[in-house]
Amino acid sequence: MAADLTVKLTNRSGLQHANKPSRDSPASLDLPNTANVEDAKIAIASKAGVSDHNRIGLFDPTTNKTLKDRKALLRDLKLDELLVKDLGPQLGWRTVFLIEYFGPLLFHPFFLGLRNHIYPALYPYVKDFVPVPNDNGGALSVSQQITFACVMLHFLKREFETAFIHKFSASTMPAFNVFRNSFFYWAVAGLMAAFEVYAPFSPAAKAENLSIDALGLALYCFGEFMNFRVHYYLSTLRSPGGTERKIPRGLGFELVTSPNYMYEILSWIGVILISRSPSVALFIAVGSMYMFTWGKGKERAYRKEFGDKYKKKRFVMLPGLL
């Protein structure tokens, strides 16, 4: 096919090639008029000798923003120059999320299974700072049992959605970022929350009001069910391998930009009530900050892409609050 689109390329960093740093990308690129962002990455990687085109980052030279939509046609972007950067070794987004959610699935069974060994050895060193353990022969309280079930089911659901439901607009991310992205889940929802909740002197161990557990469980079940429904619905709005966006409707989208975040928060409020755990409260408090930022970005994207066709939302994820 004859080339009828020429784009100037400017390096933001040298491309890696056969252990030779600073291998430059070509000065320009000739592409067919139907070429999209991913086509440009493939062509640049081929000419620069880079085996994985996903590590090629393309940026708008005016705004310096990355071109995230890999299916966007270059002719529609109206750019006669692209900034090129080597993003380093890549890891698939699906793999990243599977790793993130695995942390809590590892730590909660670990502390639950070894609780009769860990906490008796630890208690002499912390007895002046924590309540006296329950004298129940080391048995789990009802609140601890329900908390364990809720946490495990939540992250198993996340793993299932990642593997079979979600469709990702970006194929990969820099491999090193998996450590940054996973730390929050592994450290807070995993290590910190599990260590606290299953201790014989934790608030969950001493919880006696089962009506609070019942309320928390009801919120949890409703939130998890509706969160799954929204995720499944969103997956139907995008074709396999596509990056197109459609206006979502129903299931809470008439109230907020991201009802999946609303239901996620409701679910975790339920876990907080059941576990009485400061660590779980910290996890969802910090997580809500991230979700609010992501939701604001989605709202801006909807308004920019669909204009008056999109009913603007005043709140991102919690009606009347956020």
Protein backbone atom coordinates (compact mmCIF):
# COMPACT_ATOMS: atom_id res chain seq x y z
CA MET A 1 0.00 0.00 0.00
CA ALA A 2 1.42 3.40 -0.93
CA ALA A 3 2.38 5.72 1.88
CA ASP A 4 0.38 8.95 1.91
CA LEU A 5 1.01 10.11 5.47
CA THR A 6 4.40 11.37 6.66
CA VAL A 7 5.01 12.09 10.33
CA LYS A 8 8.14 13.66 11.82
CA LEU A 9 9.51 11.82 14.86
CA THR A 10 11.41 13.41 17.73
CA ASN A 11 13.06 11.33 20.45
CA ARG A 12 12.28 12.02 24.07
CA SER A 13 14.73 9.25 25.01
CA GLY A 14 16.91 6.80 23.12
CA LEU A 15 15.37 3.48 22.17
CA GLN A 16 17.06 0.34 23.42
CA HIS A 17 18.43 -2.04 20.80
CA ALA A 18 20.46 -5.20 21.28
CA ASN A 19 22.03 -3.93 24.52
CA LYS A 20 23.05 -0.71 22.78
CA PRO A 21 21.45 2.25 24.59
CA SER A 22 20.35 5.35 22.72
CA ARG A 23 19.42 3.60 19.49
CA ASP A 24 17.47 6.35 17.73
CA SER A 25 14.06 6.06 16.16
CA PRO A 26 13.79 7.07 12.48
CA ALA A 27 13.60 10.81 11.78
CA SER A 28 10.26 10.40 10.02
CA LEU A 29 7.67 7.77 9.26
CA ASP A 30 5.75 7.09 6.07
CA LEU A 31 2.42 5.38 6.70
CA PRO A 32 -0.85 4.74 4.87
CA ASN A 33 -3.66 7.18 5.48
CA THR A 34 -5.53 4.51 7.45
CA ALA A 35 -2.71 4.07 10.02
CA ASN A 36 -3.56 4.37 13.70
CA VAL A 37 -1.39 4.96 16.77
CA GLU A 38 -0.63 1.27 17.20
CA ASP A 39 0.42 0.98 13.54
CA ALA A 40 2.88 3.81 14.11
CA LYS A 41 4.31 2.08 17.18
CA ILE A 42 4.77 -1.16 15.24
CA ALA A 43 6.52 0.65 12.40
CA ILE A 44 8.84 2.58 14.73
CA ALA A 45 9.72 -0.54 16.70
CA SER A 46 10.55 -2.39 13.48
CA LYS A 47 12.82 0.37 12.19
CA ALA A 48 14.52 0.90 15.57
CA GLY A 49 15.04 -2.81 16.18
CA VAL A 50 12.79 -2.97 19.27
CA SER A 51 11.15 -6.37 19.69
CA ASP A 52 8.05 -5.22 21.62
CA HIS A 53 6.17 -2.32 20.05
CA ASN A 54 4.23 -1.80 23.29
CA ARG A 55 7.31 -0.23 24.87
CA ILE A 56 7.13 2.60 22.29
CA GLY A 57 5.42 5.64 23.82
CA LEU A 58 4.00 8.31 21.50
CA PHE A 59 3.24 11.83 22.71
CA ASP A 60 1.61 14.97 21.36
CA PRO A 61 4.47 17.50 20.94
CA THR A 62 2.21 20.43 21.82
CA THR A 63 0.58 19.13 25.01
CA ASN A 64 3.23 16.51 25.83
CA LYS A 65 0.37 14.10 26.62
CA THR A 66 0.61 10.43 25.73
CA LEU A 67 -1.55 9.13 22.89
CA LYS A 68 -3.49 6.56 24.91
CA ASP A 69 -6.02 5.44 22.31
CA ARG A 70 -4.04 2.93 20.27
CA LYS A 71 -6.85 2.71 17.68
CA ALA A 72 -7.01 6.47 17.02
CA LEU A 73 -6.27 7.30 13.37
CA LEU A 74 -3.23 9.53 12.92
CA ARG A 75 -5.01 11.58 10.29
CA ASP A 76 -7.75 12.42 12.80
CA LEU A 77 -5.19 13.55 15.37
CA LYS A 78 -3.88 16.09 12.82
CA LEU A 79 -0.31 15.80 14.08
CA ASP A 80 2.63 16.18 11.71
CA GLU A 81 5.08 15.41 14.51
CA LEU A 82 5.20 12.82 17.29
CA LEU A 83 7.42 12.59 20.35
CA VAL A 84 8.83 9.09 20.86
CA LYS A 85 9.96 7.57 24.15
CA ASP A 86 11.14 4.12 25.15
CA LEU A 87 8.83 3.14 28.04
CA GLY A 88 10.97 0.13 28.99
CA PRO A 89 9.95 -3.53 29.38
CA GLN A 90 6.17 -3.96 29.40
CA LEU A 91 3.66 -6.11 31.26
CA GLY A 92 0.06 -6.73 30.22
CA TRP A 93 -2.56 -4.78 32.15
CA ARG A 94 -4.55 -7.95 32.77
CA THR A 95 -1.47 -9.55 34.33
CA VAL A 96 -0.84 -6.47 36.47
CA PHE A 97 -4.34 -6.57 37.96
CA LEU A 98 -4.14 -10.31 38.60
CA ILE A 99 -0.93 -9.71 40.56
CA GLU A 100 -2.41 -6.75 42.48
CA TYR A 101 -5.44 -8.65 43.73
CA PHE A 102 -3.46 -11.75 44.66
CA GLY A 103 -1.88 -10.10 47.72
CA PRO A 104 -4.98 -10.13 49.96
CA LEU A 105 -5.80 -13.66 48.76
CA LEU A 106 -2.39 -14.72 50.06
CA PHE A 107 -2.15 -12.84 53.37
CA HIS A 108 -5.64 -13.45 54.76
CA PRO A 109 -5.44 -17.28 54.66
CA PHE A 110 -1.85 -17.05 55.93
CA PHE A 111 -2.70 -15.13 59.12
CA LEU A 112 -5.92 -17.04 59.62
CA GLY A 113 -4.17 -20.39 59.35
CA LEU A 114 -1.27 -19.46 61.62
CA ARG A 115 -3.12 -17.25 64.10
CA ASN A 116 -2.70 -19.70 66.99
CA HIS A 117 1.06 -19.55 66.51
CA ILE A 118 1.64 -15.90 65.54
CA TYR A 119 -0.38 -14.02 68.13
CA PRO A 120 0.54 -15.99 71.29
CA ALA A 121 4.20 -15.39 70.42
CA LEU A 122 3.55 -11.71 69.77
CA TYR A 123 1.26 -10.89 72.68
CA PRO A 124 3.92 -10.62 75.44
CA TYR A 125 5.52 -7.76 73.48
CA VAL A 126 2.31 -5.80 72.89
CA LYS A 127 0.18 -6.67 75.93
CA ASP A 128 0.55 -3.16 77.37
CA PHE A 129 -0.93 -1.63 74.23
CA VAL A 130 -3.78 -3.99 73.25
CA PRO A 131 -6.89 -5.42 75.00
CA VAL A 132 -6.79 -8.76 76.75
CA PRO A 133 -7.51 -11.56 74.24
CA ASN A 134 -10.82 -13.37 74.39
CA ASP A 135 -10.74 -16.55 76.42
CA ASN A 136 -12.49 -18.69 73.83
CA GLY A 137 -9.90 -21.32 73.12
CA GLY A 138 -8.56 -19.50 70.09
CA ALA A 139 -11.79 -19.79 68.11
CA LEU A 140 -12.67 -17.14 65.55
CA SER A 141 -15.54 -14.81 66.34
CA VAL A 142 -18.50 -14.60 63.98
CA SER A 143 -17.31 -11.17 62.84
CA GLN A 144 -13.86 -12.53 62.00
CA GLN A 145 -15.33 -15.43 60.05
CA ILE A 146 -17.63 -13.17 58.03
CA THR A 147 -14.80 -10.70 57.38
CA PHE A 148 -12.61 -13.48 56.02
CA ALA A 149 -15.37 -14.68 53.70
CA CYS A 150 -16.11 -11.16 52.46
CA VAL A 151 -12.49 -10.27 51.73
CA MET A 152 -11.77 -13.55 49.95
CA LEU A 153 -14.94 -13.39 47.86
CA HIS A 154 -14.29 -9.77 46.92
CA PHE A 155 -10.80 -10.40 45.59
CA LEU A 156 -11.74 -13.70 43.95
CA LYS A 157 -14.47 -11.74 42.17
CA ARG A 158 -11.86 -9.17 41.13
CA GLU A 159 -9.60 -11.88 39.75
CA PHE A 160 -12.53 -13.39 37.82
CA GLU A 161 -13.54 -10.02 36.37
CA THR A 162 -9.95 -9.28 35.37
CA ALA A 163 -9.55 -12.62 33.63
CA PHE A 164 -12.93 -12.84 31.91
CA ILE A 165 -14.93 -9.58 32.06
CA HIS A 166 -12.80 -6.44 31.78
CA LYS A 167 -11.64 -5.07 28.44
CA PHE A 168 -8.61 -2.81 28.55
CA SER A 169 -8.03 0.19 26.29
CA ALA A 170 -4.27 -0.04 26.89
CA SER A 171 -2.47 -3.32 26.24
CA THR A 172 0.50 -2.96 28.57
CA MET A 173 2.21 -0.81 31.17
CA PRO A 174 5.87 -0.46 32.22
CA ALA A 175 6.73 -3.70 34.03
CA PHE A 176 8.40 -1.97 36.98
CA ASN A 177 5.13 -0.17 37.82
CA VAL A 178 3.63 -3.47 38.99
CA PHE A 179 5.51 -3.05 42.28
CA ARG A 180 4.09 0.43 42.84
CA ASN A 181 0.58 -0.59 41.83
CA SER A 182 0.58 -3.77 43.92
CA PHE A 183 2.03 -2.29 47.10
CA PHE A 184 -1.24 -0.71 48.26
CA TYR A 185 -3.25 -3.92 47.89
CA TRP A 186 -0.58 -6.21 49.28
CA ALA A 187 0.46 -3.98 52.18
CA VAL A 188 -2.85 -2.47 53.35
CA ALA A 189 -5.72 -4.75 52.24
CA GLY A 190 -3.43 -7.76 52.59
CA LEU A 191 -0.72 -7.66 55.25
CA MET A 192 -2.01 -4.87 57.51
CA ALA A 193 -5.70 -5.77 57.47
CA ALA A 194 -5.13 -9.52 57.85
CA PHE A 195 -2.63 -9.06 60.68
CA GLU A 196 -5.10 -6.89 62.59
CA VAL A 197 -8.46 -8.56 61.91
CA TYR A 198 -7.53 -12.13 62.95
CA ALA A 199 -5.74 -11.16 66.15
CA PRO A 200 -7.52 -12.48 69.29
CA PHE A 201 -7.45 -8.95 70.70
CA SER A 202 -8.81 -7.17 67.59
CA PRO A 203 -12.16 -5.32 67.54
CA ALA A 204 -13.55 -8.09 65.32
CA ALA A 205 -12.54 -10.72 67.87
CA LYS A 206 -14.45 -8.88 70.60
CA ALA A 207 -17.49 -7.89 68.51
CA GLU A 208 -20.78 -8.99 70.05
CA ASN A 209 -23.51 -7.02 68.24
CA LEU A 210 -24.56 -9.34 65.42
CA SER A 211 -27.08 -6.80 64.12
CA ILE A 212 -24.12 -4.67 62.98
CA ASP A 213 -22.70 -7.71 61.20
CA ALA A 214 -26.06 -8.29 59.51
CA LEU A 215 -26.24 -4.68 58.31
CA GLY A 216 -22.67 -4.83 57.07
CA LEU A 217 -23.28 -8.10 55.26
CA ALA A 218 -26.38 -6.69 53.55
CA LEU A 219 -24.43 -3.65 52.32
CA TYR A 220 -21.58 -5.89 51.20
CA CYS A 221 -23.80 -8.26 49.20
CA PHE A 222 -25.70 -5.42 47.53
CA GLY A 223 -22.52 -3.52 46.68
CA GLU A 224 -20.70 -6.55 45.30
CA PHE A 225 -23.66 -7.65 43.18
CA MET A 226 -24.26 -4.20 41.69
CA ASN A 227 -20.54 -3.61 41.17
CA PHE A 228 -20.35 -6.84 39.15
CA ARG A 229 -23.42 -5.86 37.12
CA VAL A 230 -21.85 -2.51 36.21
CA HIS A 231 -18.54 -4.11 35.26
CA TYR A 232 -20.29 -6.66 33.06
CA TYR A 233 -22.42 -3.96 31.45
CA LEU A 234 -19.37 -1.79 30.71
CA SER A 235 -17.67 -4.76 29.06
CA THR A 236 -20.57 -5.04 26.61
CA LEU A 237 -20.07 -1.45 25.44
CA ARG A 238 -16.67 -2.19 23.90
CA SER A 239 -15.91 -4.59 21.06
CA PRO A 240 -13.23 -7.25 21.56
CA GLY A 241 -9.85 -5.52 21.28
CA GLY A 242 -11.55 -2.16 20.70
CA THR A 243 -11.02 1.15 22.46
CA GLU A 244 -14.28 2.85 21.49
CA ARG A 245 -16.36 4.50 24.19
CA LYS A 246 -20.15 4.59 24.46
CA ILE A 247 -22.41 6.52 26.81
CA PRO A 248 -23.42 4.16 29.66
CA ARG A 249 -26.98 4.30 30.96
CA GLY A 250 -28.89 2.84 33.90
CA LEU A 251 -27.48 0.95 36.90
CA GLY A 252 -26.70 4.25 38.65
CA PHE A 253 -25.12 6.07 35.70
CA GLU A 254 -27.93 8.61 35.85
CA LEU A 255 -26.74 9.58 39.36
CA VAL A 256 -22.95 9.53 39.13
CA THR A 257 -20.18 9.15 36.56
CA SER A 258 -18.89 5.87 37.98
CA PRO A 259 -21.51 3.84 39.84
CA ASN A 260 -19.10 0.90 39.98
CA TYR A 261 -17.05 3.00 42.42
CA MET A 262 -20.21 3.88 44.37
CA TYR A 263 -21.08 0.21 44.81
CA GLU A 264 -17.46 -0.64 45.61
CA ILE A 265 -17.48 1.87 48.47
CA LEU A 266 -20.83 0.58 49.76
CA SER A 267 -19.41 -2.93 49.76
CA TRP A 268 -16.34 -1.91 51.76
CA ILE A 269 -18.43 0.10 54.21
CA GLY A 270 -20.14 -3.21 54.87
CA VAL A 271 -16.76 -4.87 55.53
CA ILE A 272 -15.79 -2.03 57.87
CA LEU A 273 -18.98 -2.56 59.89
CA ILE A 274 -18.35 -6.30 60.14
CA SER A 275 -14.62 -6.14 60.88
CA ARG A 276 -14.59 -2.93 62.98
CA SER A 277 -11.12 -2.60 61.44
CA PRO A 278 -9.12 0.66 61.19
CA SER A 279 -6.93 -1.01 58.56
CA VAL A 280 -9.92 -1.80 56.34
CA ALA A 281 -11.19 1.77 56.84
CA LEU A 282 -7.77 3.11 55.81
CA PHE A 283 -7.77 0.90 52.72
CA ILE A 284 -11.08 2.16 51.37
CA ALA A 285 -10.39 5.77 52.42
CA VAL A 286 -7.19 5.87 50.37
CA GLY A 287 -8.81 3.82 47.61
CA SER A 288 -11.69 6.31 47.42
CA MET A 289 -9.21 9.11 46.74
CA TYR A 290 -7.86 7.19 43.74
CA MET A 291 -11.35 6.28 42.54
CA PHE A 292 -12.44 9.92 42.75
CA THR A 293 -9.49 10.97 40.59
CA TRP A 294 -10.18 8.22 38.04
CA GLY A 295 -13.88 9.13 38.01
CA LYS A 296 -13.12 12.80 37.36
CA GLY A 297 -10.98 11.75 34.43
CA LYS A 298 -13.82 9.65 33.04
CA GLU A 299 -16.26 12.55 33.39
CA ARG A 300 -13.91 14.85 31.46
CA ALA A 301 -13.47 12.19 28.77
CA TYR A 302 -17.23 11.69 28.37
CA ARG A 303 -17.86 15.44 28.10
CA LYS A 304 -15.03 15.93 25.61
CA GLU A 305 -16.00 13.02 23.36
CA PHE A 306 -19.79 13.20 23.40
CA GLY A 307 -20.52 16.89 24.11
CA ASP A 308 -24.21 17.66 24.46
CA LYS A 309 -25.15 14.01 23.89
CA TYR A 310 -23.78 13.22 27.32
CA LYS A 311 -25.76 14.23 30.40
CA LYS A 312 -23.21 15.92 32.61
CA LYS A 313 -22.87 14.56 36.14
CA ARG A 314 -22.36 16.76 39.16
CA PHE A 315 -21.03 13.91 41.30
CA VAL A 316 -18.40 11.34 40.37
CA MET A 317 -19.23 8.42 42.65
CA LEU A 318 -21.26 9.39 45.72
CA PRO A 319 -24.47 11.43 45.18
CA GLY A 320 -24.39 14.62 47.22
CA LEU A 321 -20.80 14.05 48.40
CA LEU A 322 -18.16 13.32 45.77
